């Protein structure tokens, strides 16, 4: 089955989508709410459906959180 490959601008999109979730109050002290991750991944896959070989999963998006958290500080 394999992993989806992140393409140009998907990480930037992820950062922007998560920032919106922060503004909406979907982030707690312990991280983002499950519903926030689900929403972000749906938005990401919809925005890049013509570019991504395979859809990004929630687990793959969460693995990028370390990179993303640098932008959220």
PDB file of N, CA and C in Angstrom:
ATOM      1  N   UNK A   1       0.822  -1.184   0.000  1.00  0.00           N
ATOM      2  CA  UNK A   1       0.000   0.000   0.000  1.00  0.00           C
ATOM      3  C   UNK A   1       0.868   1.251   0.000  1.00  0.00           C
ATOM      4  N   UNK A   2       1.790   1.374   0.926  1.00  0.00           N
ATOM      5  CA  UNK A   2       2.746   2.467   0.902  1.00  0.00           C
ATOM      6  C   UNK A   2       2.206   3.760   1.463  1.00  0.00           C
ATOM      7  N   UNK A   3       3.117   4.671   1.691  1.00  0.00           N
ATOM      8  CA  UNK A   3       2.774   5.978   2.236  1.00  0.00           C
ATOM      9  C   UNK A   3       2.554   6.982   1.125  1.00  0.00           C
ATOM     10  N   UNK A   4       1.759   7.963   1.424  1.00  0.00           N
ATOM     11  CA  UNK A   4       1.580   9.071   0.500  1.00  0.00           C
ATOM     12  C   UNK A   4       2.815   9.957   0.575  1.00  0.00           C
ATOM     13  N   UNK A   5       3.145  10.592  -0.514  1.00  0.00           N
ATOM     14  CA  UNK A   5       4.271  11.511  -0.538  1.00  0.00           C
ATOM     15  C   UNK A   5       3.757  12.933  -0.374  1.00  0.00           C
ATOM     16  N   UNK A   6       4.425  13.677   0.475  1.00  0.00           N
ATOM     17  CA  UNK A   6       4.086  15.082   0.640  1.00  0.00           C
ATOM     18  C   UNK A   6       4.621  15.831  -0.573  1.00  0.00           C
ATOM     19  N   UNK A   7       3.785  16.608  -1.192  1.00  0.00           N
ATOM     20  CA  UNK A   7       4.191  17.371  -2.368  1.00  0.00           C
ATOM     21  C   UNK A   7       4.373  18.830  -1.981  1.00  0.00           C
ATOM     22  N   UNK A   8       4.906  19.578  -2.909  1.00  0.00           N
ATOM     23  CA  UNK A   8       5.180  20.998  -2.667  1.00  0.00           C
ATOM     24  C   UNK A   8       3.939  21.702  -2.135  1.00  0.00           C
ATOM     25  N   UNK A   9       4.128  22.490  -1.124  1.00  0.00           N
ATOM     26  CA  UNK A   9       3.097  23.325  -0.502  1.00  0.00           C
ATOM     27  C   UNK A   9       2.152  22.588   0.447  1.00  0.00           C
ATOM     28  N   UNK A  10       2.205  21.261   0.533  1.00  0.00           N
ATOM     29  CA  UNK A  10       1.295  20.571   1.444  1.00  0.00           C
ATOM     30  C   UNK A  10       1.656  20.851   2.893  1.00  0.00           C
ATOM     31  N   UNK A  11       2.936  20.945   3.216  1.00  0.00           N
ATOM     32  CA  UNK A  11       3.321  21.261   4.592  1.00  0.00           C
ATOM     33  C   UNK A  11       2.876  22.677   4.949  1.00  0.00           C
ATOM     34  N   UNK A  12       3.038  23.599   4.033  1.00  0.00           N
ATOM     35  CA  UNK A  12       2.594  24.973   4.261  1.00  0.00           C
ATOM     36  C   UNK A  12       1.076  25.003   4.470  1.00  0.00           C
ATOM     37  N   UNK A  13       0.350  24.245   3.681  1.00  0.00           N
ATOM     38  CA  UNK A  13      -1.102  24.165   3.833  1.00  0.00           C
ATOM     39  C   UNK A  13      -1.450  23.613   5.214  1.00  0.00           C
ATOM     40  N   UNK A  14      -0.718  22.586   5.643  1.00  0.00           N
ATOM     41  CA  UNK A  14      -0.941  21.987   6.953  1.00  0.00           C
ATOM     42  C   UNK A  14      -0.749  23.015   8.057  1.00  0.00           C
ATOM     43  N   UNK A  15       0.299  23.799   7.971  1.00  0.00           N
ATOM     44  CA  UNK A  15       0.567  24.843   8.967  1.00  0.00           C
ATOM     45  C   UNK A  15      -0.592  25.832   9.017  1.00  0.00           C
ATOM     46  N   UNK A  16      -1.014  26.306   7.862  1.00  0.00           N
ATOM     47  CA  UNK A  16      -2.098  27.292   7.812  1.00  0.00           C
ATOM     48  C   UNK A  16      -3.409  26.712   8.345  1.00  0.00           C
ATOM     49  N   UNK A  17      -3.702  25.478   7.993  1.00  0.00           N
ATOM     50  CA  UNK A  17      -4.934  24.838   8.459  1.00  0.00           C
ATOM     51  C   UNK A  17      -4.911  24.641   9.973  1.00  0.00           C
ATOM     52  N   UNK A  18      -3.765  24.266  10.513  1.00  0.00           N
ATOM     53  CA  UNK A  18      -3.655  24.090  11.961  1.00  0.00           C
ATOM     54  C   UNK A  18      -3.719  25.429  12.688  1.00  0.00           C
ATOM     55  N   UNK A  19      -3.164  26.455  12.106  1.00  0.00           N
ATOM     56  CA  UNK A  19      -3.278  27.790  12.704  1.00  0.00           C
ATOM     57  C   UNK A  19      -4.743  28.223  12.802  1.00  0.00           C
ATOM     58  N   UNK A  20      -5.526  27.887  11.786  1.00  0.00           N
ATOM     59  CA  UNK A  20      -6.960  28.183  11.830  1.00  0.00           C
ATOM     60  C   UNK A  20      -7.618  27.433  12.981  1.00  0.00           C
ATOM     61  N   UNK A  21      -7.191  26.189  13.180  1.00  0.00           N
ATOM     62  CA  UNK A  21      -7.750  25.387  14.283  1.00  0.00           C
ATOM     63  C   UNK A  21      -7.381  25.994  15.632  1.00  0.00           C
ATOM     64  N   UNK A  22      -6.177  26.552  15.741  1.00  0.00           N
ATOM     65  CA  UNK A  22      -5.766  27.225  16.980  1.00  0.00           C
ATOM     66  C   UNK A  22      -6.685  28.425  17.227  1.00  0.00           C
ATOM     67  N   UNK A  23      -6.919  29.204  16.193  1.00  0.00           N
ATOM     68  CA  UNK A  23      -7.785  30.377  16.308  1.00  0.00           C
ATOM     69  C   UNK A  23      -9.209  29.986  16.688  1.00  0.00           C
ATOM     70  N   UNK A  24      -9.645  28.800  16.266  1.00  0.00           N
ATOM     71  CA  UNK A  24     -10.997  28.311  16.569  1.00  0.00           C
ATOM     72  C   UNK A  24     -11.078  27.637  17.936  1.00  0.00           C
ATOM     73  N   UNK A  25      -9.957  27.558  18.635  1.00  0.00           N
ATOM     74  CA  UNK A  25      -9.955  26.940  19.956  1.00  0.00           C
ATOM     75  C   UNK A  25      -9.886  25.417  19.943  1.00  0.00           C
ATOM     76  N   UNK A  26      -9.409  24.843  18.846  1.00  0.00           N
ATOM     77  CA  UNK A  26      -9.334  23.392  18.706  1.00  0.00           C
ATOM     78  C   UNK A  26      -7.999  22.818  19.151  1.00  0.00           C
ATOM     79  N   UNK A  27      -7.241  23.589  19.910  1.00  0.00           N
ATOM     80  CA  UNK A  27      -5.963  23.107  20.423  1.00  0.00           C
ATOM     81  C   UNK A  27      -5.966  23.275  21.934  1.00  0.00           C
ATOM     82  N   UNK A  28      -5.617  22.208  22.639  1.00  0.00           N
ATOM     83  CA  UNK A  28      -5.544  22.232  24.088  1.00  0.00           C
ATOM     84  C   UNK A  28      -4.079  22.235  24.496  1.00  0.00           C
ATOM     85  N   UNK A  29      -3.836  22.176  25.792  1.00  0.00           N
ATOM     86  CA  UNK A  29      -2.459  22.099  26.282  1.00  0.00           C
ATOM     87  C   UNK A  29      -1.751  20.847  25.760  1.00  0.00           C
ATOM     88  N   UNK A  30      -2.523  19.806  25.521  1.00  0.00           N
ATOM     89  CA  UNK A  30      -1.962  18.520  25.108  1.00  0.00           C
ATOM     90  C   UNK A  30      -1.894  18.326  23.603  1.00  0.00           C
ATOM     91  N   UNK A  31      -2.346  19.281  22.852  1.00  0.00           N
ATOM     92  CA  UNK A  31      -2.300  19.164  21.396  1.00  0.00           C
ATOM     93  C   UNK A  31      -3.649  19.440  20.769  1.00  0.00           C
ATOM     94  N   UNK A  32      -3.774  19.081  19.515  1.00  0.00           N
ATOM     95  CA  UNK A  32      -5.004  19.337  18.778  1.00  0.00           C
ATOM     96  C   UNK A  32      -6.053  18.277  19.078  1.00  0.00           C
ATOM     97  N   UNK A  33      -7.301  18.704  19.056  1.00  0.00           N
ATOM     98  CA  UNK A  33      -8.415  17.784  19.250  1.00  0.00           C
ATOM     99  C   UNK A  33      -8.503  16.841  18.053  1.00  0.00           C
ATOM    100  N   UNK A  34      -9.054  15.643  18.289  1.00  0.00           N
ATOM    101  CA  UNK A  34      -9.199  14.661  17.204  1.00  0.00           C
ATOM    102  C   UNK A  34     -10.005  15.238  16.049  1.00  0.00           C
ATOM    103  N   UNK A  35     -11.038  15.977  16.374  1.00  0.00           N
ATOM    104  CA  UNK A  35     -11.878  16.561  15.321  1.00  0.00           C
ATOM    105  C   UNK A  35     -11.094  17.571  14.475  1.00  0.00           C
ATOM    106  N   UNK A  36     -10.141  18.262  15.097  1.00  0.00           N
ATOM    107  CA  UNK A  36      -9.314  19.218  14.349  1.00  0.00           C
ATOM    108  C   UNK A  36      -8.458  18.487  13.327  1.00  0.00           C
ATOM    109  N   UNK A  37      -7.841  17.387  13.760  1.00  0.00           N
ATOM    110  CA  UNK A  37      -7.007  16.617  12.831  1.00  0.00           C
ATOM    111  C   UNK A  37      -7.839  16.082  11.668  1.00  0.00           C
ATOM    112  N   UNK A  38      -9.022  15.572  11.975  1.00  0.00           N
ATOM    113  CA  UNK A  38      -9.880  15.035  10.914  1.00  0.00           C
ATOM    114  C   UNK A  38     -10.238  16.124   9.905  1.00  0.00           C
ATOM    115  N   UNK A  39     -10.591  17.295  10.400  1.00  0.00           N
ATOM    116  CA  UNK A  39     -10.948  18.412   9.524  1.00  0.00           C
ATOM    117  C   UNK A  39      -9.769  18.846   8.664  1.00  0.00           C
ATOM    118  N   UNK A  40      -8.625  18.971   9.288  1.00  0.00           N
ATOM    119  CA  UNK A  40      -7.420  19.415   8.577  1.00  0.00           C
ATOM    120  C   UNK A  40      -7.051  18.430   7.465  1.00  0.00           C
ATOM    121  N   UNK A  41      -7.097  17.156   7.754  1.00  0.00           N
ATOM    122  CA  UNK A  41      -6.725  16.145   6.755  1.00  0.00           C
ATOM    123  C   UNK A  41      -7.718  16.137   5.592  1.00  0.00           C
ATOM    124  N   UNK A  42      -8.993  16.287   5.886  1.00  0.00           N
ATOM    125  CA  UNK A  42      -9.988  16.361   4.810  1.00  0.00           C
ATOM    126  C   UNK A  42      -9.717  17.580   3.931  1.00  0.00           C
ATOM    127  N   UNK A  43      -9.464  18.731   4.562  1.00  0.00           N
ATOM    128  CA  UNK A  43      -9.170  19.953   3.807  1.00  0.00           C
ATOM    129  C   UNK A  43      -7.909  19.797   2.958  1.00  0.00           C
ATOM    130  N   UNK A  44      -6.879  19.214   3.545  1.00  0.00           N
ATOM    131  CA  UNK A  44      -5.616  19.006   2.836  1.00  0.00           C
ATOM    132  C   UNK A  44      -5.802  18.100   1.627  1.00  0.00           C
ATOM    133  N   UNK A  45      -6.451  16.975   1.832  1.00  0.00           N
ATOM    134  CA  UNK A  45      -6.648  16.031   0.734  1.00  0.00           C
ATOM    135  C   UNK A  45      -7.546  16.601  -0.361  1.00  0.00           C
ATOM    136  N   UNK A  46      -8.527  17.386   0.030  1.00  0.00           N
ATOM    137  CA  UNK A  46      -9.398  18.011  -0.963  1.00  0.00           C
ATOM    138  C   UNK A  46      -8.625  19.050  -1.777  1.00  0.00           C
ATOM    139  N   UNK A  47      -7.825  19.846  -1.104  1.00  0.00           N
ATOM    140  CA  UNK A  47      -7.068  20.894  -1.789  1.00  0.00           C
ATOM    141  C   UNK A  47      -6.020  20.329  -2.749  1.00  0.00           C
ATOM    142  N   UNK A  48      -5.478  19.154  -2.426  1.00  0.00           N
ATOM    143  CA  UNK A  48      -4.393  18.578  -3.234  1.00  0.00           C
ATOM    144  C   UNK A  48      -4.775  17.248  -3.885  1.00  0.00           C
ATOM    145  N   UNK A  49      -6.070  17.027  -4.070  1.00  0.00           N
ATOM    146  CA  UNK A  49      -6.523  15.749  -4.619  1.00  0.00           C
ATOM    147  C   UNK A  49      -5.970  15.470  -6.016  1.00  0.00           C
ATOM    148  N   UNK A  50      -5.711  16.490  -6.784  1.00  0.00           N
ATOM    149  CA  UNK A  50      -5.173  16.300  -8.133  1.00  0.00           C
ATOM    150  C   UNK A  50      -3.657  16.144  -8.143  1.00  0.00           C
ATOM    151  N   UNK A  51      -3.011  16.458  -7.030  1.00  0.00           N
ATOM    152  CA  UNK A  51      -1.561  16.437  -6.957  1.00  0.00           C
ATOM    153  C   UNK A  51      -1.022  15.237  -6.188  1.00  0.00           C
ATOM    154  N   UNK A  52      -1.713  14.860  -5.121  1.00  0.00           N
ATOM    155  CA  UNK A  52      -1.246  13.747  -4.286  1.00  0.00           C
ATOM    156  C   UNK A  52      -1.480  12.413  -4.967  1.00  0.00           C
ATOM    157  N   UNK A  53      -0.480  11.549  -4.883  1.00  0.00           N
ATOM    158  CA  UNK A  53      -0.625  10.204  -5.426  1.00  0.00           C
ATOM    159  C   UNK A  53      -1.622   9.407  -4.596  1.00  0.00           C
ATOM    160  N   UNK A  54      -1.515   9.546  -3.274  1.00  0.00           N
ATOM    161  CA  UNK A  54      -2.426   8.905  -2.321  1.00  0.00           C
ATOM    162  C   UNK A  54      -2.807   9.942  -1.284  1.00  0.00           C
ATOM    163  N   UNK A  55      -4.012   9.827  -0.709  1.00  0.00           N
ATOM    164  CA  UNK A  55      -4.407  10.791   0.323  1.00  0.00           C
ATOM    165  C   UNK A  55      -3.492  10.722   1.554  1.00  0.00           C
ATOM    166  N   UNK A  56      -3.309  11.855   2.195  1.00  0.00           N
ATOM    167  CA  UNK A  56      -2.569  11.943   3.451  1.00  0.00           C
ATOM    168  C   UNK A  56      -3.477  11.414   4.555  1.00  0.00           C
ATOM    169  N   UNK A  57      -2.928  10.622   5.450  1.00  0.00           N
ATOM    170  CA  UNK A  57      -3.702  10.104   6.578  1.00  0.00           C
ATOM    171  C   UNK A  57      -3.509  11.006   7.798  1.00  0.00           C
ATOM    172  N   UNK A  58      -4.365  10.821   8.785  1.00  0.00           N
ATOM    173  CA  UNK A  58      -4.227  11.578  10.025  1.00  0.00           C
ATOM    174  C   UNK A  58      -2.885  11.268  10.677  1.00  0.00           C
ATOM    175  N   UNK A  59      -2.492  10.003  10.677  1.00  0.00           N
ATOM    176  CA  UNK A  59      -1.204   9.618  11.277  1.00  0.00           C
ATOM    177  C   UNK A  59      -0.040  10.318  10.579  1.00  0.00           C
ATOM    178  N   UNK A  60      -0.083  10.418   9.270  1.00  0.00           N
ATOM    179  CA  UNK A  60       0.981  11.101   8.529  1.00  0.00           C
ATOM    180  C   UNK A  60       0.988  12.590   8.845  1.00  0.00           C
ATOM    181  N   UNK A  61      -0.183  13.191   8.965  1.00  0.00           N
ATOM    182  CA  UNK A  61      -0.255  14.613   9.298  1.00  0.00           C
ATOM    183  C   UNK A  61       0.287  14.851  10.699  1.00  0.00           C
ATOM    184  N   UNK A  62      -0.069  13.973  11.626  1.00  0.00           N
ATOM    185  CA  UNK A  62       0.425  14.117  12.995  1.00  0.00           C
ATOM    186  C   UNK A  62       1.933  13.956  13.056  1.00  0.00           C
ATOM    187  N   UNK A  63       2.500  13.140  12.186  1.00  0.00           N
ATOM    188  CA  UNK A  63       3.957  12.968  12.187  1.00  0.00           C
ATOM    189  C   UNK A  63       4.666  14.250  11.758  1.00  0.00           C
ATOM    190  N   UNK A  64       3.965  15.102  11.063  1.00  0.00           N
ATOM    191  CA  UNK A  64       4.514  16.400  10.655  1.00  0.00           C
ATOM    192  C   UNK A  64       4.360  17.444  11.756  1.00  0.00           C
ATOM    193  N   UNK A  65       3.668  17.097  12.841  1.00  0.00           N
ATOM    194  CA  UNK A  65       3.382  18.074  13.895  1.00  0.00           C
ATOM    195  C   UNK A  65       4.659  18.652  14.501  1.00  0.00           C
ATOM    196  N   UNK A  66       5.716  17.885  14.571  1.00  0.00           N
ATOM    197  CA  UNK A  66       6.979  18.387  15.117  1.00  0.00           C
ATOM    198  C   UNK A  66       7.464  19.553  14.270  1.00  0.00           C
ATOM    199  N   UNK A  67       7.406  19.398  12.976  1.00  0.00           N
ATOM    200  CA  UNK A  67       7.806  20.478  12.066  1.00  0.00           C
ATOM    201  C   UNK A  67       6.833  21.651  12.194  1.00  0.00           C
ATOM    202  N   UNK A  68       5.564  21.335  12.211  1.00  0.00           N
ATOM    203  CA  UNK A  68       4.528  22.352  12.270  1.00  0.00           C
ATOM    204  C   UNK A  68       4.595  23.130  13.573  1.00  0.00           C
ATOM    205  N   UNK A  69       4.895  22.460  14.666  1.00  0.00           N
ATOM    206  CA  UNK A  69       4.906  23.129  15.967  1.00  0.00           C
ATOM    207  C   UNK A  69       5.928  24.264  16.022  1.00  0.00           C
ATOM    208  N   UNK A  70       6.949  24.207  15.216  1.00  0.00           N
ATOM    209  CA  UNK A  70       7.910  25.305  15.160  1.00  0.00           C
ATOM    210  C   UNK A  70       7.256  26.594  14.687  1.00  0.00           C
ATOM    211  N   UNK A  71       6.242  26.470  13.848  1.00  0.00           N
ATOM    212  CA  UNK A  71       5.542  27.640  13.342  1.00  0.00           C
ATOM    213  C   UNK A  71       4.466  28.137  14.304  1.00  0.00           C
ATOM    214  N   UNK A  72       4.058  27.289  15.237  1.00  0.00           N
ATOM    215  CA  UNK A  72       2.971  27.633  16.144  1.00  0.00           C
ATOM    216  C   UNK A  72       3.432  28.260  17.447  1.00  0.00           C
ATOM    217  N   UNK A  73       4.744  28.340  17.651  1.00  0.00           N
ATOM    218  CA  UNK A  73       5.280  28.883  18.895  1.00  0.00           C
ATOM    219  C   UNK A  73       5.139  30.386  18.910  1.00  0.00           C
TER     220      UNK A  73
END
